[in-house]
Amino acid sequence: MTKNIHKVERIVRILLGATLISMAFVGPQSPWFLLGVVPLLTGLIGWCPPYSLLGINTCKIGAKK
């Protein structure tokens, strides 16, 4: 798995995922907080499966020329 997510996008994904997951403990408690797992994991590992399928690479390192 080659990283295909830029550092800034990774930070945004981690913050978004953590915010959504925190809804399980603070705020409206519903099962929708589980959606935060996806951006959190993709942000932590730096690889997004849909990006790979669509040929998208926002990471400057390893970008196709």
PDB file of N, CA and C in Angstrom:
ATOM      1  N   MET A   1       0.842  -1.182   0.000  1.00  0.00           N
ATOM      2  CA  MET A   1       0.000   0.000   0.000  1.00  0.00           C
ATOM      3  C   MET A   1       0.889   1.247   0.000  1.00  0.00           C
ATOM      4  N   THR A   2       0.859   1.957  -1.069  1.00  0.00           N
ATOM      5  CA  THR A   2       1.581   3.211  -1.176  1.00  0.00           C
ATOM      6  C   THR A   2       0.698   4.335  -0.653  1.00  0.00           C
ATOM      7  N   LYS A   3       1.271   5.230   0.108  1.00  0.00           N
ATOM      8  CA  LYS A   3       0.489   6.339   0.645  1.00  0.00           C
ATOM      9  C   LYS A   3      -0.048   7.174  -0.505  1.00  0.00           C
ATOM     10  N   ASN A   4      -1.327   7.539  -0.414  1.00  0.00           N
ATOM     11  CA  ASN A   4      -1.931   8.352  -1.466  1.00  0.00           C
ATOM     12  C   ASN A   4      -2.701   9.544  -0.905  1.00  0.00           C
ATOM     13  N   ILE A   5      -2.419   9.908   0.363  1.00  0.00           N
ATOM     14  CA  ILE A   5      -3.094  11.033   0.997  1.00  0.00           C
ATOM     15  C   ILE A   5      -2.039  12.026   1.487  1.00  0.00           C
ATOM     16  N   HIS A   6      -2.199  13.285   1.142  1.00  0.00           N
ATOM     17  CA  HIS A   6      -1.279  14.345   1.538  1.00  0.00           C
ATOM     18  C   HIS A   6      -1.335  14.568   3.051  1.00  0.00           C
ATOM     19  N   LYS A   7      -0.262  15.114   3.619  1.00  0.00           N
ATOM     20  CA  LYS A   7      -0.173  15.322   5.066  1.00  0.00           C
ATOM     21  C   LYS A   7      -1.297  16.199   5.608  1.00  0.00           C
ATOM     22  N   VAL A   8      -1.627  17.258   4.902  1.00  0.00           N
ATOM     23  CA  VAL A   8      -2.691  18.156   5.361  1.00  0.00           C
ATOM     24  C   VAL A   8      -4.036  17.428   5.352  1.00  0.00           C
ATOM     25  N   GLU A   9      -4.290  16.676   4.304  1.00  0.00           N
ATOM     26  CA  GLU A   9      -5.536  15.916   4.216  1.00  0.00           C
ATOM     27  C   GLU A   9      -5.597  14.855   5.311  1.00  0.00           C
ATOM     28  N   ARG A  10      -4.464  14.258   5.645  1.00  0.00           N
ATOM     29  CA  ARG A  10      -4.421  13.271   6.719  1.00  0.00           C
ATOM     30  C   ARG A  10      -4.822  13.904   8.047  1.00  0.00           C
ATOM     31  N   ILE A  11      -4.301  15.093   8.319  1.00  0.00           N
ATOM     32  CA  ILE A  11      -4.629  15.789   9.567  1.00  0.00           C
ATOM     33  C   ILE A  11      -6.119  16.104   9.623  1.00  0.00           C
ATOM     34  N   VAL A  12      -6.672  16.578   8.514  1.00  0.00           N
ATOM     35  CA  VAL A  12      -8.104  16.891   8.461  1.00  0.00           C
ATOM     36  C   VAL A  12      -8.924  15.634   8.701  1.00  0.00           C
ATOM     37  N   ARG A  13      -8.531  14.523   8.082  1.00  0.00           N
ATOM     38  CA  ARG A  13      -9.264  13.267   8.264  1.00  0.00           C
ATOM     39  C   ARG A  13      -9.199  12.788   9.715  1.00  0.00           C
ATOM     40  N   ILE A  14      -8.030  12.900  10.335  1.00  0.00           N
ATOM     41  CA  ILE A  14      -7.882  12.473  11.727  1.00  0.00           C
ATOM     42  C   ILE A  14      -8.754  13.333  12.638  1.00  0.00           C
ATOM     43  N   LEU A  15      -8.733  14.651  12.437  1.00  0.00           N
ATOM     44  CA  LEU A  15      -9.554  15.535  13.262  1.00  0.00           C
ATOM     45  C   LEU A  15     -11.043  15.272  13.053  1.00  0.00           C
ATOM     46  N   LEU A  16     -11.453  15.097  11.822  1.00  0.00           N
ATOM     47  CA  LEU A  16     -12.857  14.810  11.525  1.00  0.00           C
ATOM     48  C   LEU A  16     -13.294  13.479  12.148  1.00  0.00           C
ATOM     49  N   GLY A  17     -12.470  12.460  11.985  1.00  0.00           N
ATOM     50  CA  GLY A  17     -12.784  11.156  12.553  1.00  0.00           C
ATOM     51  C   GLY A  17     -12.863  11.201  14.069  1.00  0.00           C
ATOM     52  N   ALA A  18     -11.910  11.882  14.701  1.00  0.00           N
ATOM     53  CA  ALA A  18     -11.926  11.991  16.164  1.00  0.00           C
ATOM     54  C   ALA A  18     -13.143  12.769  16.642  1.00  0.00           C
ATOM     55  N   THR A  19     -13.531  13.791  15.898  1.00  0.00           N
ATOM     56  CA  THR A  19     -14.714  14.575  16.265  1.00  0.00           C
ATOM     57  C   THR A  19     -15.971  13.722  16.180  1.00  0.00           C
ATOM     58  N   LEU A  20     -16.111  12.970  15.104  1.00  0.00           N
ATOM     59  CA  LEU A  20     -17.285  12.112  14.954  1.00  0.00           C
ATOM     60  C   LEU A  20     -17.330  11.023  16.019  1.00  0.00           C
ATOM     61  N   ILE A  21     -16.188  10.434  16.326  1.00  0.00           N
ATOM     62  CA  ILE A  21     -16.149   9.390  17.346  1.00  0.00           C
ATOM     63  C   ILE A  21     -16.461   9.961  18.722  1.00  0.00           C
ATOM     64  N   SER A  22     -16.031  11.193  18.981  1.00  0.00           N
ATOM     65  CA  SER A  22     -16.297  11.812  20.284  1.00  0.00           C
ATOM     66  C   SER A  22     -17.792  12.007  20.521  1.00  0.00           C
ATOM     67  N   MET A  23     -18.582  12.002  19.463  1.00  0.00           N
ATOM     68  CA  MET A  23     -20.029  12.141  19.619  1.00  0.00           C
ATOM     69  C   MET A  23     -20.629  10.966  20.381  1.00  0.00           C
ATOM     70  N   ALA A  24     -19.908   9.861  20.497  1.00  0.00           N
ATOM     71  CA  ALA A  24     -20.400   8.722  21.265  1.00  0.00           C
ATOM     72  C   ALA A  24     -20.384   9.040  22.756  1.00  0.00           C
ATOM     73  N   PHE A  25     -19.525   9.980  23.154  1.00  0.00           N
ATOM     74  CA  PHE A  25     -19.361  10.294  24.567  1.00  0.00           C
ATOM     75  C   PHE A  25     -19.947  11.652  24.946  1.00  0.00           C
ATOM     76  N   VAL A  26     -19.925  12.602  24.010  1.00  0.00           N
ATOM     77  CA  VAL A  26     -20.411  13.957  24.260  1.00  0.00           C
ATOM     78  C   VAL A  26     -21.352  14.339  23.128  1.00  0.00           C
ATOM     79  N   GLY A  27     -22.438  14.955  23.446  1.00  0.00           N
ATOM     80  CA  GLY A  27     -23.350  15.420  22.408  1.00  0.00           C
ATOM     81  C   GLY A  27     -24.392  14.380  22.057  1.00  0.00           C
ATOM     82  N   PRO A  28     -24.947  14.492  20.858  1.00  0.00           N
ATOM     83  CA  PRO A  28     -26.007  13.554  20.469  1.00  0.00           C
ATOM     84  C   PRO A  28     -25.448  12.134  20.316  1.00  0.00           C
ATOM     85  N   GLN A  29     -25.928  11.224  21.133  1.00  0.00           N
ATOM     86  CA  GLN A  29     -25.420   9.856  21.100  1.00  0.00           C
ATOM     87  C   GLN A  29     -26.262   9.013  20.152  1.00  0.00           C
ATOM     88  N   SER A  30     -25.672   8.687  19.032  1.00  0.00           N
ATOM     89  CA  SER A  30     -26.335   7.859  18.035  1.00  0.00           C
ATOM     90  C   SER A  30     -25.276   6.981  17.371  1.00  0.00           C
ATOM     91  N   PRO A  31     -25.690   5.958  16.652  1.00  0.00           N
ATOM     92  CA  PRO A  31     -24.708   5.082  15.999  1.00  0.00           C
ATOM     93  C   PRO A  31     -23.955   5.756  14.854  1.00  0.00           C
ATOM     94  N   TRP A  32     -24.309   6.962  14.489  1.00  0.00           N
ATOM     95  CA  TRP A  32     -23.621   7.664  13.416  1.00  0.00           C
ATOM     96  C   TRP A  32     -22.162   7.966  13.750  1.00  0.00           C
ATOM     97  N   PHE A  33     -21.798   7.893  15.031  1.00  0.00           N
ATOM     98  CA  PHE A  33     -20.412   8.159  15.410  1.00  0.00           C
ATOM     99  C   PHE A  33     -19.470   7.132  14.786  1.00  0.00           C
ATOM    100  N   LEU A  34     -19.995   5.973  14.418  1.00  0.00           N
ATOM    101  CA  LEU A  34     -19.155   4.941  13.808  1.00  0.00           C
ATOM    102  C   LEU A  34     -18.595   5.369  12.451  1.00  0.00           C
ATOM    103  N   LEU A  35     -19.230   6.334  11.815  1.00  0.00           N
ATOM    104  CA  LEU A  35     -18.696   6.853  10.546  1.00  0.00           C
ATOM    105  C   LEU A  35     -17.340   7.521  10.740  1.00  0.00           C
ATOM    106  N   GLY A  36     -17.032   7.920  11.946  1.00  0.00           N
ATOM    107  CA  GLY A  36     -15.742   8.548  12.233  1.00  0.00           C
ATOM    108  C   GLY A  36     -14.575   7.585  12.155  1.00  0.00           C
ATOM    109  N   VAL A  37     -14.854   6.294  12.210  1.00  0.00           N
ATOM    110  CA  VAL A  37     -13.781   5.300  12.150  1.00  0.00           C
ATOM    111  C   VAL A  37     -13.087   5.326  10.789  1.00  0.00           C
ATOM    112  N   VAL A  38     -13.839   5.509   9.732  1.00  0.00           N
ATOM    113  CA  VAL A  38     -13.268   5.470   8.376  1.00  0.00           C
ATOM    114  C   VAL A  38     -12.266   6.614   8.150  1.00  0.00           C
ATOM    115  N   PRO A  39     -12.648   7.886   8.348  1.00  0.00           N
ATOM    116  CA  PRO A  39     -11.643   8.929   8.129  1.00  0.00           C
ATOM    117  C   PRO A  39     -10.489   8.855   9.120  1.00  0.00           C
ATOM    118  N   LEU A  40     -10.754   8.401  10.342  1.00  0.00           N
ATOM    119  CA  LEU A  40      -9.676   8.282  11.322  1.00  0.00           C
ATOM    120  C   LEU A  40      -8.648   7.250  10.871  1.00  0.00           C
ATOM    121  N   LEU A  41      -9.098   6.088  10.446  1.00  0.00           N
ATOM    122  CA  LEU A  41      -8.165   5.041  10.007  1.00  0.00           C
ATOM    123  C   LEU A  41      -7.425   5.424   8.731  1.00  0.00           C
ATOM    124  N   THR A  42      -8.135   5.980   7.753  1.00  0.00           N
ATOM    125  CA  THR A  42      -7.454   6.355   6.509  1.00  0.00           C
ATOM    126  C   THR A  42      -6.455   7.482   6.769  1.00  0.00           C
ATOM    127  N   GLY A  43      -6.779   8.372   7.700  1.00  0.00           N
ATOM    128  CA  GLY A  43      -5.837   9.437   8.048  1.00  0.00           C
ATOM    129  C   GLY A  43      -4.607   8.902   8.762  1.00  0.00           C
ATOM    130  N   LEU A  44      -4.801   7.921   9.630  1.00  0.00           N
ATOM    131  CA  LEU A  44      -3.672   7.364  10.372  1.00  0.00           C
ATOM    132  C   LEU A  44      -2.741   6.547   9.489  1.00  0.00           C
ATOM    133  N   ILE A  45      -3.293   5.761   8.564  1.00  0.00           N
ATOM    134  CA  ILE A  45      -2.428   4.927   7.725  1.00  0.00           C
ATOM    135  C   ILE A  45      -1.970   5.635   6.456  1.00  0.00           C
ATOM    136  N   GLY A  46      -2.666   6.713   6.060  1.00  0.00           N
ATOM    137  CA  GLY A  46      -2.249   7.473   4.879  1.00  0.00           C
ATOM    138  C   GLY A  46      -2.629   6.855   3.554  1.00  0.00           C
ATOM    139  N   TRP A  47      -3.518   5.893   3.578  1.00  0.00           N
ATOM    140  CA  TRP A  47      -3.935   5.209   2.345  1.00  0.00           C
ATOM    141  C   TRP A  47      -5.449   5.128   2.302  1.00  0.00           C
ATOM    142  N   CYS A  48      -6.020   5.510   1.173  1.00  0.00           N
ATOM    143  CA  CYS A  48      -7.466   5.514   0.993  1.00  0.00           C
ATOM    144  C   CYS A  48      -7.815   4.562  -0.156  1.00  0.00           C
ATOM    145  N   PRO A  49      -8.545   3.473   0.131  1.00  0.00           N
ATOM    146  CA  PRO A  49      -8.884   2.505  -0.924  1.00  0.00           C
ATOM    147  C   PRO A  49      -9.640   3.103  -2.111  1.00  0.00           C
ATOM    148  N   PRO A  50     -10.662   3.964  -1.903  1.00  0.00           N
ATOM    149  CA  PRO A  50     -11.331   4.544  -3.073  1.00  0.00           C
ATOM    150  C   PRO A  50     -10.391   5.387  -3.932  1.00  0.00           C
ATOM    151  N   TYR A  51      -9.444   6.080  -3.292  1.00  0.00           N
ATOM    152  CA  TYR A  51      -8.463   6.842  -4.071  1.00  0.00           C
ATOM    153  C   TYR A  51      -7.669   5.910  -4.963  1.00  0.00           C
ATOM    154  N   SER A  52      -7.284   4.753  -4.458  1.00  0.00           N
ATOM    155  CA  SER A  52      -6.516   3.786  -5.251  1.00  0.00           C
ATOM    156  C   SER A  52      -7.329   3.286  -6.440  1.00  0.00           C
ATOM    157  N   LEU A  53      -8.594   2.985  -6.198  1.00  0.00           N
ATOM    158  CA  LEU A  53      -9.451   2.497  -7.279  1.00  0.00           C
ATOM    159  C   LEU A  53      -9.651   3.542  -8.375  1.00  0.00           C
ATOM    160  N   LEU A  54      -9.733   4.815  -7.964  1.00  0.00           N
ATOM    161  CA  LEU A  54      -9.974   5.889  -8.925  1.00  0.00           C
ATOM    162  C   LEU A  54      -8.693   6.514  -9.469  1.00  0.00           C
ATOM    163  N   GLY A  55      -7.539   6.073  -8.982  1.00  0.00           N
ATOM    164  CA  GLY A  55      -6.261   6.590  -9.464  1.00  0.00           C
ATOM    165  C   GLY A  55      -5.930   7.972  -8.930  1.00  0.00           C
ATOM    166  N   ILE A  56      -6.495   8.334  -7.795  1.00  0.00           N
ATOM    167  CA  ILE A  56      -6.248   9.648  -7.195  1.00  0.00           C
ATOM    168  C   ILE A  56      -5.075   9.536  -6.237  1.00  0.00           C
ATOM    169  N   ASN A  57      -4.173  10.508  -6.269  1.00  0.00           N
ATOM    170  CA  ASN A  57      -3.045  10.541  -5.355  1.00  0.00           C
ATOM    171  C   ASN A  57      -2.782  11.990  -4.988  1.00  0.00           C
ATOM    172  N   THR A  58      -3.127  12.371  -3.761  1.00  0.00           N
ATOM    173  CA  THR A  58      -2.900  13.748  -3.327  1.00  0.00           C
ATOM    174  C   THR A  58      -1.566  13.892  -2.616  1.00  0.00           C
ATOM    175  N   CYS A  59      -0.859  12.800  -2.413  1.00  0.00           N
ATOM    176  CA  CYS A  59       0.447  12.818  -1.769  1.00  0.00           C
ATOM    177  C   CYS A  59       1.514  13.138  -2.814  1.00  0.00           C
ATOM    178  N   LYS A  60       2.354  14.116  -2.518  1.00  0.00           N
ATOM    179  CA  LYS A  60       3.379  14.514  -3.489  1.00  0.00           C
ATOM    180  C   LYS A  60       4.454  13.451  -3.624  1.00  0.00           C
ATOM    181  N   ILE A  61       4.737  12.716  -2.553  1.00  0.00           N
ATOM    182  CA  ILE A  61       5.720  11.628  -2.608  1.00  0.00           C
ATOM    183  C   ILE A  61       5.049  10.427  -3.246  1.00  0.00           C
ATOM    184  N   GLY A  62       5.609   9.929  -4.289  1.00  0.00           N
ATOM    185  CA  GLY A  62       5.047   8.764  -4.972  1.00  0.00           C
ATOM    186  C   GLY A  62       3.986   9.119  -5.994  1.00  0.00           C
ATOM    187  N   ALA A  63       3.822  10.412  -6.285  1.00  0.00           N
ATOM    188  CA  ALA A  63       2.820  10.824  -7.265  1.00  0.00           C
ATOM    189  C   ALA A  63       3.264  10.393  -8.662  1.00  0.00           C
ATOM    190  N   LYS A  64       2.301   9.958  -9.454  1.00  0.00           N
ATOM    191  CA  LYS A  64       2.594   9.541 -10.824  1.00  0.00           C
ATOM    192  C   LYS A  64       2.856  10.765 -11.683  1.00  0.00           C
ATOM    193  N   LYS A  65       3.844  10.639 -12.558  1.00  0.00           N
ATOM    194  CA  LYS A  65       4.153  11.763 -13.460  1.00  0.00           C
ATOM    195  C   LYS A  65       3.734  11.422 -14.861  1.00  0.00           C
TER     196      LYS A  65
END
